[in-house]
Amino acid sequence: MRPLNLLALLVLPVLGLAASPEEGFETFLDAVYDGDTEAFLSCLSQGNRDQLDMLVMMIRLSPQEAAEQLSSQLGQELPPEEIEQWTSLDLVELILNSQQLRGNLPARSDVLVVRCETSGDSATVYLSVSEAEEEFPLLMVLEEEVWKLGESFL
């Protein structure tokens, strides 16, 4: 094996580049289960990151109302002053590490990619979750040679 090929085999997995839509989704799913905010954001398409930024901007416009609503939904007190300074990273960290989300996630081993249909720079990954009879399709898109979640999650 040529040295460059060997180097690519060693370095690419470390960088976490998703070579397939299935790998991209598995990386995203691992970020959710690990509560890894930065990895989660890196797995989102640019369109999803833009939507998330817009949502944070809207939340910051009404911090008192947002604090009341999010506190109620997530079961933890959020001061409006803190919300006024939020970034997308802050919102994702709050949600990923909330007891509300953690308590409702199925076991990681119960979520499986069962198949994938790829067409150019987009793909549909089909998930199976134990105790659910149907498969769940999710859109993945290829951006900068990395497969990212293209399905809107908002």
Protein backbone atom coordinates (compact mmCIF):
# COMPACT_ATOMS: atom_id res chain seq x y z
CA MET A 1 0.00 0.00 0.00
CA ARG A 2 1.31 3.42 -0.90
CA PRO A 3 2.16 5.73 2.05
CA LEU A 4 -0.43 8.33 1.02
CA ASN A 5 -3.21 5.73 0.94
CA LEU A 6 -2.15 4.40 4.34
CA LEU A 7 -2.13 7.93 5.76
CA ALA A 8 -5.63 8.56 4.42
CA LEU A 9 -6.89 5.35 6.04
CA LEU A 10 -5.46 6.41 9.38
CA VAL A 11 -6.39 10.10 9.34
CA LEU A 12 -9.87 10.20 7.81
CA PRO A 13 -11.62 8.17 10.52
CA VAL A 14 -9.99 10.35 13.17
CA LEU A 15 -11.33 13.48 11.49
CA GLY A 16 -14.82 12.05 11.66
CA LEU A 17 -15.58 12.62 7.99
CA ALA A 18 -18.72 10.80 6.99
CA ALA A 19 -17.89 8.85 3.84
CA SER A 20 -21.46 7.60 3.44
CA PRO A 21 -24.92 8.86 4.38
CA GLU A 22 -25.20 6.00 6.88
CA GLU A 23 -21.94 7.02 8.56
CA GLY A 24 -23.06 10.64 8.60
CA PHE A 25 -26.25 9.72 10.37
CA GLU A 26 -24.47 7.42 12.82
CA THR A 27 -22.12 10.31 13.68
CA PHE A 28 -25.13 12.58 14.21
CA LEU A 29 -26.86 9.99 16.37
CA ASP A 30 -23.72 9.45 18.45
CA ALA A 31 -23.53 13.21 19.06
CA VAL A 32 -27.12 13.21 20.33
CA TYR A 33 -26.55 10.27 22.67
CA ASP A 34 -23.19 11.63 23.87
CA GLY A 35 -24.60 15.13 24.42
CA ASP A 36 -21.78 16.44 22.20
CA THR A 37 -23.00 19.87 21.14
CA GLU A 38 -20.15 20.72 18.78
CA ALA A 39 -20.33 17.34 17.03
CA PHE A 40 -24.11 17.74 16.73
CA LEU A 41 -23.75 21.14 15.05
CA SER A 42 -21.05 19.85 12.70
CA CYS A 43 -23.46 17.12 11.54
CA LEU A 44 -26.10 19.64 10.44
CA SER A 45 -26.43 20.92 6.91
CA GLN A 46 -25.89 24.63 6.34
CA GLY A 47 -29.65 25.01 5.90
CA ASN A 48 -30.28 23.46 9.30
CA ARG A 49 -27.62 25.62 10.95
CA ASP A 50 -29.22 28.70 9.36
CA GLN A 51 -32.66 27.65 10.71
CA LEU A 52 -31.17 27.11 14.15
CA ASP A 53 -29.51 30.55 14.09
CA MET A 54 -32.83 32.13 13.11
CA LEU A 55 -34.62 30.30 15.93
CA VAL A 56 -32.07 31.56 18.46
CA MET A 57 -32.47 35.10 17.13
CA MET A 58 -36.27 34.85 17.57
CA ILE A 59 -35.85 33.45 21.10
CA ARG A 60 -33.53 36.32 22.02
CA LEU A 61 -36.17 38.85 20.89
CA SER A 62 -38.55 37.67 23.64
CA PRO A 63 -36.32 36.31 26.40
CA GLN A 64 -38.97 36.45 29.16
CA GLU A 65 -41.52 34.51 27.13
CA ALA A 66 -38.85 32.07 25.92
CA ALA A 67 -37.58 31.52 29.47
CA GLU A 68 -41.08 30.69 30.70
CA GLN A 69 -41.85 28.36 27.80
CA LEU A 70 -38.49 26.55 27.78
CA SER A 71 -38.43 26.27 31.58
CA SER A 72 -41.85 24.65 31.46
CA GLN A 73 -40.97 22.27 28.61
CA LEU A 74 -37.55 21.26 29.87
CA GLY A 75 -38.30 21.27 33.59
CA GLN A 76 -35.45 23.57 34.59
CA GLU A 77 -35.30 27.26 35.44
CA LEU A 78 -33.83 29.52 32.75
CA PRO A 79 -33.17 33.19 33.51
CA PRO A 80 -34.17 35.59 30.69
CA GLU A 81 -30.84 37.41 31.09
CA GLU A 82 -29.02 34.23 30.10
CA ILE A 83 -31.26 33.69 27.07
CA GLU A 84 -30.51 37.20 25.80
CA GLN A 85 -26.87 36.12 25.30
CA TRP A 86 -27.54 32.73 23.73
CA THR A 87 -25.90 31.31 20.64
CA SER A 88 -26.97 28.23 18.71
CA LEU A 89 -24.43 26.26 20.69
CA ASP A 90 -26.14 27.26 23.96
CA LEU A 91 -29.60 26.21 22.79
CA VAL A 92 -28.39 22.87 21.44
CA GLU A 93 -26.43 22.18 24.63
CA LEU A 94 -29.52 22.88 26.74
CA ILE A 95 -31.70 20.56 24.67
CA LEU A 96 -29.18 17.73 24.22
CA ASN A 97 -28.49 17.61 27.95
CA SER A 98 -32.06 18.09 29.16
CA GLN A 99 -33.65 15.37 31.24
CA GLN A 100 -36.71 15.68 29.01
CA LEU A 101 -34.75 14.49 25.96
CA ARG A 102 -32.58 12.01 27.85
CA GLY A 103 -35.61 10.37 29.44
CA ASN A 104 -37.35 9.85 26.08
CA LEU A 105 -34.49 8.52 23.95
CA PRO A 106 -34.64 4.83 23.12
CA ALA A 107 -31.52 2.82 23.90
CA ARG A 108 -28.79 3.66 21.37
CA SER A 109 -28.62 0.00 20.34
CA ASP A 110 -32.33 0.12 19.45
CA VAL A 111 -31.82 2.73 16.70
CA LEU A 112 -30.48 1.22 13.50
CA VAL A 113 -29.92 2.39 9.95
CA VAL A 114 -31.65 -0.31 7.91
CA ARG A 115 -31.15 1.00 4.38
CA CYS A 116 -30.19 4.01 2.33
CA GLU A 117 -31.17 5.38 -1.08
CA THR A 118 -28.64 7.78 -2.59
CA SER A 119 -29.17 10.12 -5.52
CA GLY A 120 -26.24 12.41 -6.22
CA ASP A 121 -25.62 14.79 -3.31
CA SER A 122 -28.67 13.69 -1.33
CA ALA A 123 -29.74 10.47 0.29
CA THR A 124 -32.56 9.10 2.36
CA VAL A 125 -31.48 7.06 5.35
CA TYR A 126 -34.13 4.76 6.78
CA LEU A 127 -34.10 4.11 10.51
CA SER A 128 -35.56 1.33 12.52
CA VAL A 129 -36.37 1.89 16.18
CA SER A 130 -37.26 -1.11 18.29
CA GLU A 131 -40.95 -1.35 19.16
CA ALA A 132 -41.87 0.78 16.13
CA GLU A 133 -43.30 -1.05 13.15
CA GLU A 134 -42.45 1.56 10.54
CA GLU A 135 -39.13 2.82 9.23
CA PHE A 136 -38.31 6.50 9.62
CA PRO A 137 -36.82 8.25 6.55
CA LEU A 138 -34.34 11.09 7.08
CA LEU A 139 -32.74 13.28 4.43
CA MET A 140 -28.94 13.50 4.34
CA VAL A 141 -27.04 15.91 2.08
CA LEU A 142 -23.44 15.97 0.93
CA GLU A 143 -21.75 19.26 1.83
CA GLU A 144 -18.02 19.83 1.51
CA GLU A 145 -17.55 16.08 0.95
CA VAL A 146 -19.24 15.21 4.27
CA TRP A 147 -22.73 13.73 4.68
CA LYS A 148 -24.85 15.88 6.98
CA LEU A 149 -28.40 15.88 8.27
CA GLY A 150 -30.49 17.68 5.67
CA GLU A 151 -33.84 16.85 7.26
CA SER A 152 -35.25 19.89 9.03
CA PHE A 153 -35.41 19.12 12.72
CA LEU A 154 -37.23 22.31 13.73
